[in-house]
């Protein structure tokens, strides 16, 4: 989009966002106290040798005194929030944009040191083309203005304690599954438990569930029950199928003998298990399909009886893990409050404002205390951050990305004095959330390929991700799981608490059934309430056996405008560990089909209709291509 067309669109948006519905410039000037409350400050431009006004909430700048409603005007005479046009800005010999004198003045004494670090990062990105984001795209997401959030500000001491408690909770879960059911915990079931619990959790901790109803997690209960009496793995060969059938029969018989089962259950399970073992001893010519058919029959006969005797025990596992989590959460909060200089008081929730504004990052009402020192050093391509002996790592490219997001979004740390501490907290939090095992959690943080994001933005005006993080986001505006720490890096908060009035959005949620179901319900409520253009392009796994409630609900929605299916192994995702993995591991083929659904209200459909031409470009972008991969 050209600069002229951008100015036209922004001008129209400012007219729409003005409370009176008229041009913002017609309102009366604001009083000095009102200016300060709205985020405005009077600054001096050394380059232009004249004063200007800068809004720390929105990164907007004005030559004139701001007037009523001008909080929303996207005006930027100094170019503080704009990407440099080609040939428009003077550049250094290495391709870095030359810093303006007004920026140097605002950046403080540490700016020269940080500028040198940034030069290295920019050269790496330009030479290696390892750019997986576009932070220059401005948002078209409009929300109702809201007060700052009441979350406790992040602190490395608290994050370290939280990491230790989450690790301890994972160990408890592993031990309970072994002791009570004789199985390993289902892979990543703890991670999905955290996701599912946060959908309904009303507690204070950003990660550990502490106030959920029901206490028994449907996600954890379902996954553990599916692995009882044994976990059924994918079978390739005949001998594997024979061995799996024998193990299932043996485990079912052992479980029914050792539990308080009814006489009828004992009779049915023991008869079927012994009959299966007798058949295995007699018949050595059976095929793989014969063994699998027999296994399915055995599961149908024994499964309900095995589930009945395991139900109370598995519910006990779920309840115990939740109770431990709630206890850890209370202990953490008490310690956290003791670190704050001004502990918060319980206050009534402020009513939502009626003013429409472009979305902005989460702001915290509680000021951050002084943060302890975090050490930084580089090992080859990795930035290593250490606090009290605990090291977290991120590659140089993503470290540079976090610097940019912090510069765009953070308003309480202009000298970057808290930057390293907050980056350490951010990396540690996501490590806690998704585990530290090899490749653990990468699927839950997978992102769309860059080419798909480019097509979504170009063809459908998408400028916002509903489910992302500062580590895997493509746009600088996104929703994420942790508003208390992610807000400093651009997050608008959790999507289920985010209520846009208009805009075009991409949604690629973590593959947790309860979260996806809540997401669809939220989509329909938003689309039903707004008459402004609103569009959600949703990417979910095409699970059909059984079909997920979220997919069923979207396919039956009155807001569904178009749907397509991308077959398994014919498309890719970007790794959830893209901030640490090797370049050749950045993309992986999807082992399941992906359903792409367009949910739009009438105005959204009129503006961003999924026409055949637009869909053709989206499909072309989704197609894996060695030429695309090699050019990144």
Foldseek 3Di string as FASTA:
>chain_A
DDPVVVLVVLQVVLLCQQPVSHHQVVAAFDDPVVCVVLQKDWDAAPVVRAIWIARLQQRAIGRDRGGRSCSFRRHHVPCRQADADVVRFDADPLGHGDDGPSLVVLLPPCVVVVVVLLSVLVSCCVVQVPAFFDARDDFPFKDFDFDFDAAQFDALVLLVLVLVLLVVLQVLLQVLCCVQQNAGQPACLVLLQQVLLVVAAPDRDLTQGARHPPLFGPSRLVRSLCQPNHHDDDDDAQVVLLVVLLVNLVSLLVQVVPFPFDPVLNVQSPVLSVVSVVVSVVDPPDGSVVSVVSSVVSCVRNVVRRCVRCVVSSSVSSNVSNVSSNVSSVVSVVVSQVPAPDRDDDDDGDDTHRRMHHFAFRHHPRDDDDHDDWDWDDDVQWIWIDDPRDIDIFGSNLVSLQVVLLCSFPSPCSNCNCVSRLVVSQRSVVCSSQDDDVLTPFQQAWAAGSLLVVLCCVQQVAQEEQEHASRNDRYQEYAYSGRSRRSSRRHSYHNLVGATQAGEYEYEGGQRLSVLQSVLVSLVVNQVVHPAKHKYKYKYFCDVVPGGPNVVDLVPDPQWQDKDKAAFQFFWIATSVCRPDDLVNGIDTGRTMMMITMGIHPNNCVRRPCDPVSVVSSVVSGGDDPVVSSSD
